[in-house]
């Protein structure tokens, strides 16, 4: 079952570490996996998925799904966001651009309790 999405999603180096985000695409699932300096954070923190990685102000930021809820991790601090879905990785739809990364922020569409939200998170001066 070939995937139209690239398995390599991101590769970052920062503060003497590295982060590698890959898309595990099988006939049964599409899940983001994130390795930080050789450790699979999905297993380390009990994430169902880790995706949307980027560097923000020189620190690693990524989204995760744990217990069916979306959260964000920034510089090693997890923050549950309470969203039930944040479409990503899906070929041929707007989710291919969600989340949207910029140098000092990340923007995304996500759903909570049947309501869709547009959110921007970043380091703003």
PDB file of N, CA and C in Angstrom:
ATOM      1  N   UNK A   1       0.845  -1.181   0.000  1.00  0.00           N
ATOM      2  CA  UNK A   1       0.000   0.000   0.000  1.00  0.00           C
ATOM      3  C   UNK A   1       0.884   1.235   0.000  1.00  0.00           C
ATOM      4  N   UNK A   2       1.162   1.800  -1.171  1.00  0.00           N
ATOM      5  CA  UNK A   2       2.035   2.975  -1.220  1.00  0.00           C
ATOM      6  C   UNK A   2       1.298   4.223  -0.730  1.00  0.00           C
ATOM      7  N   UNK A   3       2.031   5.091  -0.060  1.00  0.00           N
ATOM      8  CA  UNK A   3       1.481   6.346   0.434  1.00  0.00           C
ATOM      9  C   UNK A   3       1.925   7.479  -0.479  1.00  0.00           C
ATOM     10  N   UNK A   4       1.034   8.428  -0.792  1.00  0.00           N
ATOM     11  CA  UNK A   4       1.456   9.584  -1.574  1.00  0.00           C
ATOM     12  C   UNK A   4       2.229  10.603  -0.731  1.00  0.00           C
ATOM     13  N   UNK A   5       2.227  10.430   0.577  1.00  0.00           N
ATOM     14  CA  UNK A   5       2.941  11.349   1.471  1.00  0.00           C
ATOM     15  C   UNK A   5       4.360  10.845   1.703  1.00  0.00           C
ATOM     16  N   UNK A   6       5.261  11.785   1.861  1.00  0.00           N
ATOM     17  CA  UNK A   6       6.656  11.434   2.114  1.00  0.00           C
ATOM     18  C   UNK A   6       6.827  10.914   3.537  1.00  0.00           C
ATOM     19  N   UNK A   7       7.546   9.819   3.728  1.00  0.00           N
ATOM     20  CA  UNK A   7       7.790   9.343   5.099  1.00  0.00           C
ATOM     21  C   UNK A   7       8.609  10.338   5.917  1.00  0.00           C
ATOM     22  N   UNK A   8       9.565  11.026   5.292  1.00  0.00           N
ATOM     23  CA  UNK A   8      10.368  12.013   6.003  1.00  0.00           C
ATOM     24  C   UNK A   8       9.592  13.313   6.057  1.00  0.00           C
ATOM     25  N   UNK A   9       9.197  13.717   7.264  1.00  0.00           N
ATOM     26  CA  UNK A   9       8.421  14.936   7.442  1.00  0.00           C
ATOM     27  C   UNK A   9       9.285  16.108   7.892  1.00  0.00           C
ATOM     28  N   UNK A  10      10.266  15.863   8.749  1.00  0.00           N
ATOM     29  CA  UNK A  10      11.105  16.956   9.241  1.00  0.00           C
ATOM     30  C   UNK A  10      12.372  16.392   9.871  1.00  0.00           C
ATOM     31  N   UNK A  11      13.433  17.190   9.787  1.00  0.00           N
ATOM     32  CA  UNK A  11      14.689  16.872  10.445  1.00  0.00           C
ATOM     33  C   UNK A  11      15.264  18.182  10.960  1.00  0.00           C
ATOM     34  N   UNK A  12      15.474  18.253  12.268  1.00  0.00           N
ATOM     35  CA  UNK A  12      15.929  19.477  12.921  1.00  0.00           C
ATOM     36  C   UNK A  12      17.169  19.211  13.757  1.00  0.00           C
ATOM     37  N   UNK A  13      18.054  20.191  13.831  1.00  0.00           N
ATOM     38  CA  UNK A  13      19.156  20.152  14.790  1.00  0.00           C
ATOM     39  C   UNK A  13      19.063  21.416  15.631  1.00  0.00           C
ATOM     40  N   UNK A  14      19.290  21.245  16.939  1.00  0.00           N
ATOM     41  CA  UNK A  14      19.174  22.376  17.856  1.00  0.00           C
ATOM     42  C   UNK A  14      19.879  22.024  19.153  1.00  0.00           C
ATOM     43  N   UNK A  15      20.552  22.969  19.729  1.00  0.00           N
ATOM     44  CA  UNK A  15      21.132  22.836  21.068  1.00  0.00           C
ATOM     45  C   UNK A  15      21.844  21.498  21.291  1.00  0.00           C
ATOM     46  N   UNK A  16      22.594  21.035  20.289  1.00  0.00           N
ATOM     47  CA  UNK A  16      23.334  19.780  20.408  1.00  0.00           C
ATOM     48  C   UNK A  16      22.485  18.531  20.283  1.00  0.00           C
ATOM     49  N   UNK A  17      21.233  18.669  19.888  1.00  0.00           N
ATOM     50  CA  UNK A  17      20.331  17.525  19.717  1.00  0.00           C
ATOM     51  C   UNK A  17      19.811  17.498  18.277  1.00  0.00           C
ATOM     52  N   UNK A  18      19.094  16.447  17.955  1.00  0.00           N
ATOM     53  CA  UNK A  18      18.427  16.359  16.667  1.00  0.00           C
ATOM     54  C   UNK A  18      17.035  15.777  16.861  1.00  0.00           C
ATOM     55  N   UNK A  19      16.136  16.121  15.957  1.00  0.00           N
ATOM     56  CA  UNK A  19      14.763  15.594  15.978  1.00  0.00           C
ATOM     57  C   UNK A  19      14.403  15.161  14.564  1.00  0.00           C
ATOM     58  N   UNK A  20      13.831  13.982  14.454  1.00  0.00           N
ATOM     59  CA  UNK A  20      13.435  13.401  13.174  1.00  0.00           C
ATOM     60  C   UNK A  20      11.967  13.018  13.252  1.00  0.00           C
ATOM     61  N   UNK A  21      11.156  13.634  12.417  1.00  0.00           N
ATOM     62  CA  UNK A  21       9.730  13.299  12.345  1.00  0.00           C
ATOM     63  C   UNK A  21       9.489  12.469  11.103  1.00  0.00           C
ATOM     64  N   UNK A  22       8.864  11.308  11.283  1.00  0.00           N
ATOM     65  CA  UNK A  22       8.522  10.461  10.146  1.00  0.00           C
ATOM     66  C   UNK A  22       7.039  10.136  10.187  1.00  0.00           C
ATOM     67  N   UNK A  23       6.506   9.856   9.016  1.00  0.00           N
ATOM     68  CA  UNK A  23       5.125   9.417   8.879  1.00  0.00           C
ATOM     69  C   UNK A  23       5.135   7.910   8.696  1.00  0.00           C
ATOM     70  N   UNK A  24       4.567   7.205   9.647  1.00  0.00           N
ATOM     71  CA  UNK A  24       4.388   5.765   9.527  1.00  0.00           C
ATOM     72  C   UNK A  24       3.074   5.546   8.789  1.00  0.00           C
ATOM     73  N   UNK A  25       3.158   5.127   7.542  1.00  0.00           N
ATOM     74  CA  UNK A  25       1.971   4.930   6.709  1.00  0.00           C
ATOM     75  C   UNK A  25       1.838   3.457   6.372  1.00  0.00           C
ATOM     76  N   UNK A  26       0.808   2.830   6.917  1.00  0.00           N
ATOM     77  CA  UNK A  26       0.495   1.431   6.632  1.00  0.00           C
ATOM     78  C   UNK A  26      -0.947   1.389   6.126  1.00  0.00           C
ATOM     79  N   UNK A  27      -1.406   0.245   5.655  1.00  0.00           N
ATOM     80  CA  UNK A  27      -2.812   0.160   5.231  1.00  0.00           C
ATOM     81  C   UNK A  27      -3.791   0.463   6.377  1.00  0.00           C
ATOM     82  N   UNK A  28      -3.348   0.294   7.614  1.00  0.00           N
ATOM     83  CA  UNK A  28      -4.255   0.474   8.743  1.00  0.00           C
ATOM     84  C   UNK A  28      -4.147   1.825   9.444  1.00  0.00           C
ATOM     85  N   UNK A  29      -3.026   2.517   9.282  1.00  0.00           N
ATOM     86  CA  UNK A  29      -2.865   3.772  10.025  1.00  0.00           C
ATOM     87  C   UNK A  29      -1.874   4.708   9.357  1.00  0.00           C
ATOM     88  N   UNK A  30      -2.047   5.983   9.625  1.00  0.00           N
ATOM     89  CA  UNK A  30      -1.088   7.032   9.299  1.00  0.00           C
ATOM     90  C   UNK A  30      -0.801   7.723  10.609  1.00  0.00           C
ATOM     91  N   UNK A  31       0.405   7.573  11.120  1.00  0.00           N
ATOM     92  CA  UNK A  31       0.745   8.132  12.426  1.00  0.00           C
ATOM     93  C   UNK A  31       2.114   8.787  12.377  1.00  0.00           C
ATOM     94  N   UNK A  32       2.204   9.941  13.016  1.00  0.00           N
ATOM     95  CA  UNK A  32       3.477  10.616  13.129  1.00  0.00           C
ATOM     96  C   UNK A  32       4.304  10.023  14.250  1.00  0.00           C
ATOM     97  N   UNK A  33       5.574   9.841  13.978  1.00  0.00           N
ATOM     98  CA  UNK A  33       6.513   9.374  14.986  1.00  0.00           C
ATOM     99  C   UNK A  33       7.656  10.374  15.055  1.00  0.00           C
ATOM    100  N   UNK A  34       8.086  10.694  16.272  1.00  0.00           N
ATOM    101  CA  UNK A  34       9.138  11.679  16.448  1.00  0.00           C
ATOM    102  C   UNK A  34      10.255  11.082  17.290  1.00  0.00           C
ATOM    103  N   UNK A  35      11.458  11.145  16.739  1.00  0.00           N
ATOM    104  CA  UNK A  35      12.660  10.717  17.448  1.00  0.00           C
ATOM    105  C   UNK A  35      13.442  11.964  17.846  1.00  0.00           C
ATOM    106  N   UNK A  36      13.843  12.028  19.102  1.00  0.00           N
ATOM    107  CA  UNK A  36      14.690  13.114  19.577  1.00  0.00           C
ATOM    108  C   UNK A  36      15.974  12.489  20.096  1.00  0.00           C
ATOM    109  N   UNK A  37      17.064  12.770  19.404  1.00  0.00           N
ATOM    110  CA  UNK A  37      18.381  12.224  19.736  1.00  0.00           C
ATOM    111  C   UNK A  37      18.320  10.710  19.964  1.00  0.00           C
ATOM    112  N   UNK A  38      17.593  10.027  19.066  1.00  0.00           N
ATOM    113  CA  UNK A  38      17.526   8.566  19.083  1.00  0.00           C
ATOM    114  C   UNK A  38      16.404   7.975  19.914  1.00  0.00           C
ATOM    115  N   UNK A  39      15.711   8.770  20.716  1.00  0.00           N
ATOM    116  CA  UNK A  39      14.613   8.273  21.549  1.00  0.00           C
ATOM    117  C   UNK A  39      13.275   8.540  20.858  1.00  0.00           C
ATOM    118  N   UNK A  40      12.434   7.522  20.745  1.00  0.00           N
ATOM    119  CA  UNK A  40      11.101   7.676  20.172  1.00  0.00           C
ATOM    120  C   UNK A  40      10.195   8.291  21.239  1.00  0.00           C
ATOM    121  N   UNK A  41       9.851   9.568  21.070  1.00  0.00           N
ATOM    122  CA  UNK A  41       9.067  10.250  22.100  1.00  0.00           C
ATOM    123  C   UNK A  41       7.665   9.668  22.223  1.00  0.00           C
ATOM    124  N   UNK A  42       7.146   9.070  21.154  1.00  0.00           N
ATOM    125  CA  UNK A  42       5.837   8.422  21.227  1.00  0.00           C
ATOM    126  C   UNK A  42       5.822   7.391  22.362  1.00  0.00           C
ATOM    127  N   UNK A  43       6.848   6.553  22.403  1.00  0.00           N
ATOM    128  CA  UNK A  43       6.944   5.536  23.456  1.00  0.00           C
ATOM    129  C   UNK A  43       7.327   6.150  24.794  1.00  0.00           C
ATOM    130  N   UNK A  44       8.240   7.089  24.760  1.00  0.00           N
ATOM    131  CA  UNK A  44       8.753   7.692  25.988  1.00  0.00           C
ATOM    132  C   UNK A  44       7.652   8.395  26.790  1.00  0.00           C
ATOM    133  N   UNK A  45       6.718   9.061  26.104  1.00  0.00           N
ATOM    134  CA  UNK A  45       5.684   9.841  26.791  1.00  0.00           C
ATOM    135  C   UNK A  45       4.279   9.286  26.616  1.00  0.00           C
ATOM    136  N   UNK A  46       4.153   8.138  25.974  1.00  0.00           N
ATOM    137  CA  UNK A  46       2.844   7.510  25.817  1.00  0.00           C
ATOM    138  C   UNK A  46       1.945   8.193  24.805  1.00  0.00           C
ATOM    139  N   UNK A  47       2.548   8.840  23.804  1.00  0.00           N
ATOM    140  CA  UNK A  47       1.764   9.492  22.766  1.00  0.00           C
ATOM    141  C   UNK A  47       1.235   8.459  21.779  1.00  0.00           C
ATOM    142  N   UNK A  48       0.035   8.661  21.330  1.00  0.00           N
ATOM    143  CA  UNK A  48      -0.490   7.865  20.227  1.00  0.00           C
ATOM    144  C   UNK A  48       0.161   8.329  18.919  1.00  0.00           C
ATOM    145  N   UNK A  49       0.510   9.619  18.890  1.00  0.00           N
ATOM    146  CA  UNK A  49       1.108  10.210  17.701  1.00  0.00           C
ATOM    147  C   UNK A  49       1.853  11.478  18.098  1.00  0.00           C
ATOM    148  N   UNK A  50       2.912  11.793  17.373  1.00  0.00           N
ATOM    149  CA  UNK A  50       3.643  13.058  17.512  1.00  0.00           C
ATOM    150  C   UNK A  50       3.875  13.577  16.098  1.00  0.00           C
ATOM    151  N   UNK A  51       3.557  14.848  15.855  1.00  0.00           N
ATOM    152  CA  UNK A  51       3.568  15.368  14.487  1.00  0.00           C
ATOM    153  C   UNK A  51       3.724  16.890  14.502  1.00  0.00           C
ATOM    154  N   UNK A  52       3.931  17.454  13.312  1.00  0.00           N
ATOM    155  CA  UNK A  52       3.975  18.905  13.153  1.00  0.00           C
ATOM    156  C   UNK A  52       5.150  19.562  13.840  1.00  0.00           C
ATOM    157  N   UNK A  53       6.304  18.918  13.814  1.00  0.00           N
ATOM    158  CA  UNK A  53       7.465  19.455  14.526  1.00  0.00           C
ATOM    159  C   UNK A  53       8.059  20.650  13.805  1.00  0.00           C
ATOM    160  N   UNK A  54       8.651  21.537  14.592  1.00  0.00           N
ATOM    161  CA  UNK A  54       9.380  22.681  14.061  1.00  0.00           C
ATOM    162  C   UNK A  54      10.241  23.258  15.172  1.00  0.00           C
ATOM    163  N   UNK A  55      11.138  24.147  14.791  1.00  0.00           N
ATOM    164  CA  UNK A  55      11.892  24.900  15.781  1.00  0.00           C
ATOM    165  C   UNK A  55      11.238  26.264  15.928  1.00  0.00           C
ATOM    166  N   UNK A  56      11.056  26.683  17.160  1.00  0.00           N
ATOM    167  CA  UNK A  56      10.497  27.990  17.474  1.00  0.00           C
ATOM    168  C   UNK A  56      11.414  28.628  18.501  1.00  0.00           C
ATOM    169  N   UNK A  57      12.053  29.725  18.115  1.00  0.00           N
ATOM    170  CA  UNK A  57      13.025  30.396  18.979  1.00  0.00           C
ATOM    171  C   UNK A  57      14.143  29.433  19.405  1.00  0.00           C
ATOM    172  N   UNK A  58      14.520  28.534  18.475  1.00  0.00           N
ATOM    173  CA  UNK A  58      15.615  27.605  18.729  1.00  0.00           C
ATOM    174  C   UNK A  58      15.256  26.417  19.603  1.00  0.00           C
ATOM    175  N   UNK A  59      13.973  26.254  19.909  1.00  0.00           N
ATOM    176  CA  UNK A  59      13.520  25.146  20.762  1.00  0.00           C
ATOM    177  C   UNK A  59      12.513  24.297  19.992  1.00  0.00           C
ATOM    178  N   UNK A  60      12.493  22.997  20.300  1.00  0.00           N
ATOM    179  CA  UNK A  60      11.614  22.071  19.590  1.00  0.00           C
ATOM    180  C   UNK A  60      10.164  22.238  20.029  1.00  0.00           C
ATOM    181  N   UNK A  61       9.297  22.351  19.048  1.00  0.00           N
ATOM    182  CA  UNK A  61       7.851  22.403  19.255  1.00  0.00           C
ATOM    183  C   UNK A  61       7.229  21.311  18.403  1.00  0.00           C
ATOM    184  N   UNK A  62       6.259  20.582  18.946  1.00  0.00           N
ATOM    185  CA  UNK A  62       5.517  19.598  18.163  1.00  0.00           C
ATOM    186  C   UNK A  62       4.166  19.350  18.806  1.00  0.00           C
ATOM    187  N   UNK A  63       3.251  18.812  18.019  1.00  0.00           N
ATOM    188  CA  UNK A  63       1.934  18.412  18.499  1.00  0.00           C
ATOM    189  C   UNK A  63       1.980  16.938  18.866  1.00  0.00           C
ATOM    190  N   UNK A  64       1.105  16.547  19.754  1.00  0.00           N
ATOM    191  CA  UNK A  64       0.983  15.140  20.106  1.00  0.00           C
ATOM    192  C   UNK A  64      -0.483  14.800  20.336  1.00  0.00           C
ATOM    193  N   UNK A  65      -0.783  13.522  20.233  1.00  0.00           N
ATOM    194  CA  UNK A  65      -2.105  13.018  20.608  1.00  0.00           C
ATOM    195  C   UNK A  65      -1.902  11.994  21.701  1.00  0.00           C
ATOM    196  N   UNK A  66      -2.596  12.195  22.796  1.00  0.00           N
ATOM    197  CA  UNK A  66      -2.512  11.285  23.931  1.00  0.00           C
ATOM    198  C   UNK A  66      -3.912  11.144  24.509  1.00  0.00           C
ATOM    199  N   UNK A  67      -4.342   9.909  24.709  1.00  0.00           N
ATOM    200  CA  UNK A  67      -5.691   9.629  25.202  1.00  0.00           C
ATOM    201  C   UNK A  67      -6.745  10.309  24.342  1.00  0.00           C
ATOM    202  N   UNK A  68      -6.512  10.364  23.034  1.00  0.00           N
ATOM    203  CA  UNK A  68      -7.480  10.907  22.094  1.00  0.00           C
ATOM    204  C   UNK A  68      -7.571  12.420  22.057  1.00  0.00           C
ATOM    205  N   UNK A  69      -6.683  13.111  22.773  1.00  0.00           N
ATOM    206  CA  UNK A  69      -6.717  14.573  22.837  1.00  0.00           C
ATOM    207  C   UNK A  69      -5.412  15.146  22.298  1.00  0.00           C
ATOM    208  N   UNK A  70      -5.517  16.261  21.594  1.00  0.00           N
ATOM    209  CA  UNK A  70      -4.358  16.921  21.007  1.00  0.00           C
ATOM    210  C   UNK A  70      -3.724  17.863  22.027  1.00  0.00           C
ATOM    211  N   UNK A  71      -2.396  17.845  22.064  1.00  0.00           N
ATOM    212  CA  UNK A  71      -1.643  18.766  22.896  1.00  0.00           C
ATOM    213  C   UNK A  71      -0.445  19.269  22.127  1.00  0.00           C
ATOM    214  N   UNK A  72       0.320  20.134  22.769  1.00  0.00           N
ATOM    215  CA  UNK A  72       1.523  20.678  22.150  1.00  0.00           C
ATOM    216  C   UNK A  72       2.667  20.564  23.147  1.00  0.00           C
ATOM    217  N   UNK A  73       3.841  20.267  22.641  1.00  0.00           N
ATOM    218  CA  UNK A  73       5.037  20.216  23.471  1.00  0.00           C
ATOM    219  C   UNK A  73       5.991  21.282  22.961  1.00  0.00           C
ATOM    220  N   UNK A  74       6.495  22.093  23.881  1.00  0.00           N
ATOM    221  CA  UNK A  74       7.452  23.133  23.529  1.00  0.00           C
ATOM    222  C   UNK A  74       8.567  23.133  24.555  1.00  0.00           C
ATOM    223  N   UNK A  75       9.778  22.964  24.079  1.00  0.00           N
ATOM    224  CA  UNK A  75      10.956  22.949  24.939  1.00  0.00           C
ATOM    225  C   UNK A  75      10.804  21.960  26.096  1.00  0.00           C
ATOM    226  N   UNK A  76      10.210  20.788  25.779  1.00  0.00           N
ATOM    227  CA  UNK A  76      10.069  19.726  26.772  1.00  0.00           C
ATOM    228  C   UNK A  76       8.872  19.846  27.690  1.00  0.00           C
ATOM    229  N   UNK A  77       8.065  20.891  27.551  1.00  0.00           N
ATOM    230  CA  UNK A  77       6.873  21.080  28.382  1.00  0.00           C
ATOM    231  C   UNK A  77       5.629  20.720  27.586  1.00  0.00           C
ATOM    232  N   UNK A  78       4.873  19.733  28.046  1.00  0.00           N
ATOM    233  CA  UNK A  78       3.621  19.345  27.395  1.00  0.00           C
ATOM    234  C   UNK A  78       2.476  20.201  27.913  1.00  0.00           C
ATOM    235  N   UNK A  79       1.619  20.620  26.984  1.00  0.00           N
ATOM    236  CA  UNK A  79       0.421  21.377  27.330  1.00  0.00           C
ATOM    237  C   UNK A  79      -0.756  20.782  26.573  1.00  0.00           C
ATOM    238  N   UNK A  80      -1.704  20.152  27.264  1.00  0.00           N
ATOM    239  CA  UNK A  80      -2.894  19.656  26.583  1.00  0.00           C
ATOM    240  C   UNK A  80      -3.705  20.839  26.048  1.00  0.00           C
ATOM    241  N   UNK A  81      -4.170  20.731  24.806  1.00  0.00           N
ATOM    242  CA  UNK A  81      -4.957  21.800  24.211  1.00  0.00           C
ATOM    243  C   UNK A  81      -6.444  21.494  24.198  1.00  0.00           C
ATOM    244  N   UNK A  82      -6.808  20.244  24.432  1.00  0.00           N
ATOM    245  CA  UNK A  82      -8.214  19.879  24.506  1.00  0.00           C
ATOM    246  C   UNK A  82      -8.915  19.695  23.175  1.00  0.00           C
ATOM    247  N   UNK A  83      -8.175  19.750  22.082  1.00  0.00           N
ATOM    248  CA  UNK A  83      -8.793  19.520  20.781  1.00  0.00           C
ATOM    249  C   UNK A  83      -8.940  18.020  20.544  1.00  0.00           C
ATOM    250  N   UNK A  84     -10.019  17.653  19.861  1.00  0.00           N
ATOM    251  CA  UNK A  84     -10.212  16.238  19.555  1.00  0.00           C
ATOM    252  C   UNK A  84      -9.610  15.860  18.211  1.00  0.00           C
ATOM    253  N   UNK A  85      -9.424  16.839  17.332  1.00  0.00           N
ATOM    254  CA  UNK A  85      -8.743  16.537  16.081  1.00  0.00           C
ATOM    255  C   UNK A  85      -8.051  17.778  15.528  1.00  0.00           C
ATOM    256  N   UNK A  86      -6.942  17.509  14.887  1.00  0.00           N
ATOM    257  CA  UNK A  86      -6.152  18.519  14.189  1.00  0.00           C
ATOM    258  C   UNK A  86      -5.699  17.827  12.904  1.00  0.00           C
ATOM    259  N   UNK A  87      -6.457  17.982  11.828  1.00  0.00           N
ATOM    260  CA  UNK A  87      -6.128  17.262  10.598  1.00  0.00           C
ATOM    261  C   UNK A  87      -4.711  17.581  10.116  1.00  0.00           C
ATOM    262  N   UNK A  88      -4.008  16.540   9.682  1.00  0.00           N
ATOM    263  CA  UNK A  88      -2.636  16.684   9.208  1.00  0.00           C
ATOM    264  C   UNK A  88      -2.276  15.452   8.377  1.00  0.00           C
ATOM    265  N   UNK A  89      -1.241  15.575   7.571  1.00  0.00           N
ATOM    266  CA  UNK A  89      -0.696  14.501   6.728  1.00  0.00           C
ATOM    267  C   UNK A  89      -1.630  14.025   5.621  1.00  0.00           C
ATOM    268  N   UNK A  90      -2.883  14.409   5.635  1.00  0.00           N
ATOM    269  CA  UNK A  90      -3.806  13.839   4.657  1.00  0.00           C
ATOM    270  C   UNK A  90      -3.545  14.422   3.277  1.00  0.00           C
ATOM    271  N   UNK A  91      -3.345  13.554   2.350  1.00  0.00           N
ATOM    272  CA  UNK A  91      -3.045  13.946   0.976  1.00  0.00           C
ATOM    273  C   UNK A  91      -4.243  14.651   0.332  1.00  0.00           C
ATOM    274  N   UNK A  92      -3.911  15.583  -0.506  1.00  0.00           N
ATOM    275  CA  UNK A  92      -4.897  16.171  -1.407  1.00  0.00           C
ATOM    276  C   UNK A  92      -6.022  16.908  -0.684  1.00  0.00           C
ATOM    277  N   UNK A  93      -5.743  17.514   0.440  1.00  0.00           N
ATOM    278  CA  UNK A  93      -6.734  18.304   1.158  1.00  0.00           C
ATOM    279  C   UNK A  93      -6.021  19.418   1.906  1.00  0.00           C
ATOM    280  N   UNK A  94      -6.804  20.297   2.509  1.00  0.00           N
ATOM    281  CA  UNK A  94      -6.238  21.393   3.275  1.00  0.00           C
ATOM    282  C   UNK A  94      -5.377  20.933   4.433  1.00  0.00           C
ATOM    283  N   UNK A  95      -5.592  19.714   4.885  1.00  0.00           N
ATOM    284  CA  UNK A  95      -4.801  19.224   6.014  1.00  0.00           C
ATOM    285  C   UNK A  95      -3.340  19.026   5.646  1.00  0.00           C
ATOM    286  N   UNK A  96      -3.048  18.985   4.348  1.00  0.00           N
ATOM    287  CA  UNK A  96      -1.641  18.880   3.934  1.00  0.00           C
ATOM    288  C   UNK A  96      -0.869  20.127   4.373  1.00  0.00           C
ATOM    289  N   UNK A  97      -1.572  21.232   4.615  1.00  0.00           N
ATOM    290  CA  UNK A  97      -0.952  22.482   5.049  1.00  0.00           C
ATOM    291  C   UNK A  97      -1.257  22.791   6.509  1.00  0.00           C
ATOM    292  N   UNK A  98      -1.777  21.848   7.230  1.00  0.00           N
ATOM    293  CA  UNK A  98      -2.158  22.038   8.632  1.00  0.00           C
ATOM    294  C   UNK A  98      -1.358  21.074   9.494  1.00  0.00           C
ATOM    295  N   UNK A  99      -0.627  21.522  10.468  1.00  0.00           N
ATOM    296  CA  UNK A  99      -0.415  22.912  10.860  1.00  0.00           C
ATOM    297  C   UNK A  99       0.490  23.636   9.869  1.00  0.00           C
ATOM    298  N   UNK A 100       0.403  24.968   9.901  1.00  0.00           N
ATOM    299  CA  UNK A 100       1.201  25.810   9.025  1.00  0.00           C
ATOM    300  C   UNK A 100       2.310  26.457   9.849  1.00  0.00           C
ATOM    301  N   UNK A 101       3.545  26.253   9.421  1.00  0.00           N
ATOM    302  CA  UNK A 101       4.701  26.693  10.195  1.00  0.00           C
ATOM    303  C   UNK A 101       5.272  27.994   9.641  1.00  0.00           C
ATOM    304  N   UNK A 102       5.673  28.865  10.537  1.00  0.00           N
ATOM    305  CA  UNK A 102       6.375  30.087  10.184  1.00  0.00           C
ATOM    306  C   UNK A 102       7.562  30.230  11.135  1.00  0.00           C
ATOM    307  N   UNK A 103       8.396  31.181  10.868  1.00  0.00           N
ATOM    308  CA  UNK A 103       9.629  31.311  11.642  1.00  0.00           C
ATOM    309  C   UNK A 103       9.379  31.514  13.139  1.00  0.00           C
ATOM    310  N   UNK A 104       8.424  32.319  13.494  1.00  0.00           N
ATOM    311  CA  UNK A 104       8.178  32.642  14.902  1.00  0.00           C
ATOM    312  C   UNK A 104       6.820  32.178  15.406  1.00  0.00           C
ATOM    313  N   UNK A 105       6.127  31.319  14.631  1.00  0.00           N
ATOM    314  CA  UNK A 105       4.807  30.877  15.066  1.00  0.00           C
ATOM    315  C   UNK A 105       4.378  29.614  14.337  1.00  0.00           C
ATOM    316  N   UNK A 106       3.291  29.047  14.825  1.00  0.00           N
ATOM    317  CA  UNK A 106       2.611  27.962  14.139  1.00  0.00           C
ATOM    318  C   UNK A 106       1.124  28.314  14.159  1.00  0.00           C
ATOM    319  N   UNK A 107       0.444  28.049  13.060  1.00  0.00           N
ATOM    320  CA  UNK A 107      -0.988  28.297  12.950  1.00  0.00           C
ATOM    321  C   UNK A 107      -1.664  26.987  12.570  1.00  0.00           C
ATOM    322  N   UNK A 108      -2.874  26.778  13.072  1.00  0.00           N
ATOM    323  CA  UNK A 108      -3.556  25.519  12.776  1.00  0.00           C
ATOM    324  C   UNK A 108      -5.058  25.630  12.974  1.00  0.00           C
ATOM    325  N   UNK A 109      -5.770  24.725  12.309  1.00  0.00           N
ATOM    326  CA  UNK A 109      -7.196  24.537  12.501  1.00  0.00           C
ATOM    327  C   UNK A 109      -7.373  23.258  13.311  1.00  0.00           C
ATOM    328  N   UNK A 110      -8.246  23.309  14.306  1.00  0.00           N
ATOM    329  CA  UNK A 110      -8.493  22.135  15.149  1.00  0.00           C
ATOM    330  C   UNK A 110      -9.932  22.178  15.643  1.00  0.00           C
ATOM    331  N   UNK A 111     -10.425  21.018  16.058  1.00  0.00           N
ATOM    332  CA  UNK A 111     -11.827  20.884  16.473  1.00  0.00           C
ATOM    333  C   UNK A 111     -11.934  20.485  17.941  1.00  0.00           C
ATOM    334  N   UNK A 112     -12.873  21.133  18.620  1.00  0.00           N
ATOM    335  CA  UNK A 112     -13.177  20.793  20.007  1.00  0.00           C
ATOM    336  C   UNK A 112     -14.691  20.879  20.181  1.00  0.00           C
ATOM    337  N   UNK A 113     -15.303  19.804  20.647  1.00  0.00           N
ATOM    338  CA  UNK A 113     -16.750  19.762  20.910  1.00  0.00           C
ATOM    339  C   UNK A 113     -17.581  20.216  19.707  1.00  0.00           C
ATOM    340  N   UNK A 114     -17.188  19.776  18.522  1.00  0.00           N
ATOM    341  CA  UNK A 114     -17.940  20.078  17.312  1.00  0.00           C
ATOM    342  C   UNK A 114     -17.723  21.472  16.750  1.00  0.00           C
ATOM    343  N   UNK A 115     -16.854  22.263  17.352  1.00  0.00           N
ATOM    344  CA  UNK A 115     -16.569  23.617  16.886  1.00  0.00           C
ATOM    345  C   UNK A 115     -15.131  23.670  16.382  1.00  0.00           C
ATOM    346  N   UNK A 116     -14.944  24.268  15.204  1.00  0.00           N
ATOM    347  CA  UNK A 116     -13.612  24.401  14.619  1.00  0.00           C
ATOM    348  C   UNK A 116     -13.005  25.734  15.012  1.00  0.00           C
ATOM    349  N   UNK A 117     -11.712  25.714  15.340  1.00  0.00           N
ATOM    350  CA  UNK A 117     -10.980  26.905  15.761  1.00  0.00           C
ATOM    351  C   UNK A 117      -9.755  27.094  14.883  1.00  0.00           C
ATOM    352  N   UNK A 118      -9.441  28.366  14.645  1.00  0.00           N
ATOM    353  CA  UNK A 118      -8.173  28.728  14.028  1.00  0.00           C
ATOM    354  C   UNK A 118      -7.326  29.322  15.146  1.00  0.00           C
ATOM    355  N   UNK A 119      -6.098  28.824  15.322  1.00  0.00           N
ATOM    356  CA  UNK A 119      -5.246  29.236  16.422  1.00  0.00           C
ATOM    357  C   UNK A 119      -3.855  29.566  15.910  1.00  0.00           C
ATOM    358  N   UNK A 120      -3.250  30.599  16.477  1.00  0.00           N
ATOM    359  CA  UNK A 120      -1.867  30.938  16.212  1.00  0.00           C
ATOM    360  C   UNK A 120      -1.119  30.925  17.545  1.00  0.00           C
ATOM    361  N   UNK A 121      -0.018  30.192  17.589  1.00  0.00           N
ATOM    362  CA  UNK A 121       0.840  30.143  18.772  1.00  0.00           C
ATOM    363  C   UNK A 121       2.241  30.556  18.348  1.00  0.00           C
ATOM    364  N   UNK A 122       2.884  31.344  19.169  1.00  0.00           N
ATOM    365  CA  UNK A 122       4.225  31.741  18.797  1.00  0.00           C
ATOM    366  C   UNK A 122       4.894  32.602  19.843  1.00  0.00           C
ATOM    367  N   UNK A 123       6.054  33.051  19.460  1.00  0.00           N
ATOM    368  CA  UNK A 123       6.805  33.972  20.305  1.00  0.00           C
ATOM    369  C   UNK A 123       6.687  35.335  19.646  1.00  0.00           C
ATOM    370  N   UNK A 124       5.849  36.168  20.220  1.00  0.00           N
ATOM    371  CA  UNK A 124       5.572  37.479  19.654  1.00  0.00           C
ATOM    372  C   UNK A 124       6.163  38.546  20.557  1.00  0.00           C
ATOM    373  N   UNK A 125       6.853  39.512  19.964  1.00  0.00           N
ATOM    374  CA  UNK A 125       7.420  40.621  20.749  1.00  0.00           C
ATOM    375  C   UNK A 125       6.450  41.787  20.785  1.00  0.00           C
TER     376      UNK A 125
END
